[in-house]
């Protein structure tokens, strides 16, 4: 698990990812850029570390959650993410 900026209230964005996943790397770059621009927190959770997450997300990684709700999978749309974060 990797953390972006950290606040007491916790991260607003969670990115479920896998090691060696090119789409996951691109998604993390987008999430990191948007969160840095907007002063928001994010966390990356590797689904490979948890059999339940592997079953839950199967081949949909990367999966992005904002404020605890699923937002995107496979690709992160920067404009949609900014809008969801109020930016």
Foldseek 3Di string as FASTA:
>chain_A
DDKADADPVGFQKEWEAAPPDPLSVQQVVLVNVLCVVVVTMYYYHYLVVPPVSCVVCVPFPGWMGGNRHTDGTSHDDNVSVNVSVVD
